[in-house]
Amino acid sequence: MIIIDNVKYACITCIKGHRSSQCTHKDRQLLPIRPKGRPVSQCERCREQRLSSKVHQKCVCSRKKTAIDKKTLRKKPFSARQMMAIEALLL
């Protein structure tokens, strides 16, 4: 696993082979490793209320914009420009 600016990266084949923690391939295309577990679906305010009152409720407020956007989790692989920046950091 390669760490750049506190973000963990691994090559595509190691991620698909479930061995991203042992990946040391610097010559392949690197992707950020997604966090474990399910993505957050509630806004920060509803999450705080749920943790403080120990009641699990669905988030229906208009503050959903602060929750993690699902589209950001399914980003396309890095562009050539981003790959060049990552390669420059590895050198």
Protein backbone atom coordinates (compact mmCIF):
# COMPACT_ATOMS: atom_id res chain seq x y z
CA MET A 1 0.00 0.00 0.00
CA ILE A 2 1.36 3.39 -0.99
CA ILE A 3 0.45 6.42 1.13
CA ILE A 4 0.46 9.87 -0.47
CA ASP A 5 -0.82 12.88 1.52
CA ASN A 6 -2.48 10.54 4.07
CA VAL A 7 -4.45 8.77 1.31
CA LYS A 8 -3.83 5.06 0.75
CA TYR A 9 -3.35 3.88 -2.85
CA ALA A 10 -3.05 0.45 -4.48
CA CYS A 11 -3.02 -0.85 -8.05
CA ILE A 12 -6.19 -2.18 -9.67
CA THR A 13 -5.08 -5.81 -9.74
CA CYS A 14 -4.17 -5.83 -6.05
CA ILE A 15 -7.52 -4.24 -5.12
CA LYS A 16 -9.44 -6.81 -7.17
CA GLY A 17 -7.33 -9.61 -5.69
CA HIS A 18 -8.06 -8.45 -2.11
CA ARG A 19 -4.40 -7.77 -1.36
CA SER A 20 -4.31 -3.96 -1.41
CA SER A 21 -2.48 -3.79 1.93
CA GLN A 22 0.55 -5.58 0.40
CA CYS A 23 0.61 -3.63 -2.88
CA THR A 24 3.98 -2.05 -3.70
CA HIS A 25 3.51 -1.60 -7.47
CA LYS A 26 4.62 1.90 -8.40
CA ASP A 27 4.60 1.28 -12.15
CA ARG A 28 0.85 0.52 -12.44
CA GLN A 29 -2.19 2.77 -12.29
CA LEU A 30 -2.97 3.56 -8.66
CA LEU A 31 -6.43 4.06 -7.19
CA PRO A 32 -7.34 5.36 -3.73
CA ILE A 33 -8.50 2.64 -1.38
CA ARG A 34 -12.09 3.21 -0.26
CA PRO A 35 -12.89 3.04 3.46
CA LYS A 36 -14.40 -0.14 4.86
CA GLY A 37 -18.10 -0.41 5.57
CA ARG A 38 -21.17 1.23 4.14
CA PRO A 39 -21.13 4.87 3.04
CA VAL A 40 -22.70 7.53 5.24
CA SER A 41 -26.28 8.32 4.24
CA GLN A 42 -27.27 10.80 6.97
CA CYS A 43 -26.33 14.43 7.35
CA GLU A 44 -24.06 15.46 10.23
CA ARG A 45 -26.91 16.94 12.29
CA CYS A 46 -29.03 13.77 12.11
CA ARG A 47 -26.02 11.58 12.89
CA GLU A 48 -25.25 13.61 16.02
CA GLN A 49 -28.88 13.38 17.16
CA ARG A 50 -28.92 9.64 16.55
CA LEU A 51 -25.72 9.13 18.55
CA SER A 52 -26.86 11.32 21.45
CA SER A 53 -30.46 10.05 21.77
CA LYS A 54 -29.73 6.44 20.73
CA VAL A 55 -32.72 6.51 18.36
CA HIS A 56 -32.24 5.37 14.78
CA GLN A 57 -34.25 7.54 12.38
CA LYS A 58 -34.14 8.16 8.67
CA CYS A 59 -32.69 11.52 7.63
CA VAL A 60 -35.43 13.61 6.02
CA CYS A 61 -34.11 17.10 6.66
CA SER A 62 -32.94 19.48 3.94
CA ARG A 63 -29.34 19.25 5.15
CA LYS A 64 -28.57 16.11 3.14
CA LYS A 65 -26.12 18.13 1.09
CA THR A 66 -23.55 17.69 3.88
CA ALA A 67 -23.75 13.90 3.64
CA ILE A 68 -21.23 12.13 1.45
CA ASP A 69 -22.32 12.22 -2.16
CA LYS A 70 -22.59 8.74 -3.67
CA LYS A 71 -21.18 9.99 -6.94
CA THR A 72 -17.87 10.90 -5.29
CA LEU A 73 -17.44 7.29 -4.18
CA ARG A 74 -17.83 6.04 -7.75
CA LYS A 75 -15.30 8.34 -9.35
CA LYS A 76 -13.65 7.36 -12.57
CA PRO A 77 -9.98 6.35 -12.45
CA PHE A 78 -7.42 9.11 -12.47
CA SER A 79 -6.85 11.16 -15.57
CA ALA A 80 -3.42 11.25 -17.20
CA ARG A 81 -2.69 14.57 -15.51
CA GLN A 82 -3.49 13.20 -12.05
CA MET A 83 -1.39 10.09 -12.75
CA MET A 84 1.57 12.29 -13.67
CA ALA A 85 1.17 14.17 -10.38
CA ILE A 86 1.09 10.92 -8.40
CA GLU A 87 4.13 9.59 -10.26
CA ALA A 88 5.97 12.82 -9.51
CA LEU A 89 5.28 12.36 -5.80
CA LEU A 90 6.59 8.80 -5.94
CA LEU A 91 9.96 9.88 -7.36
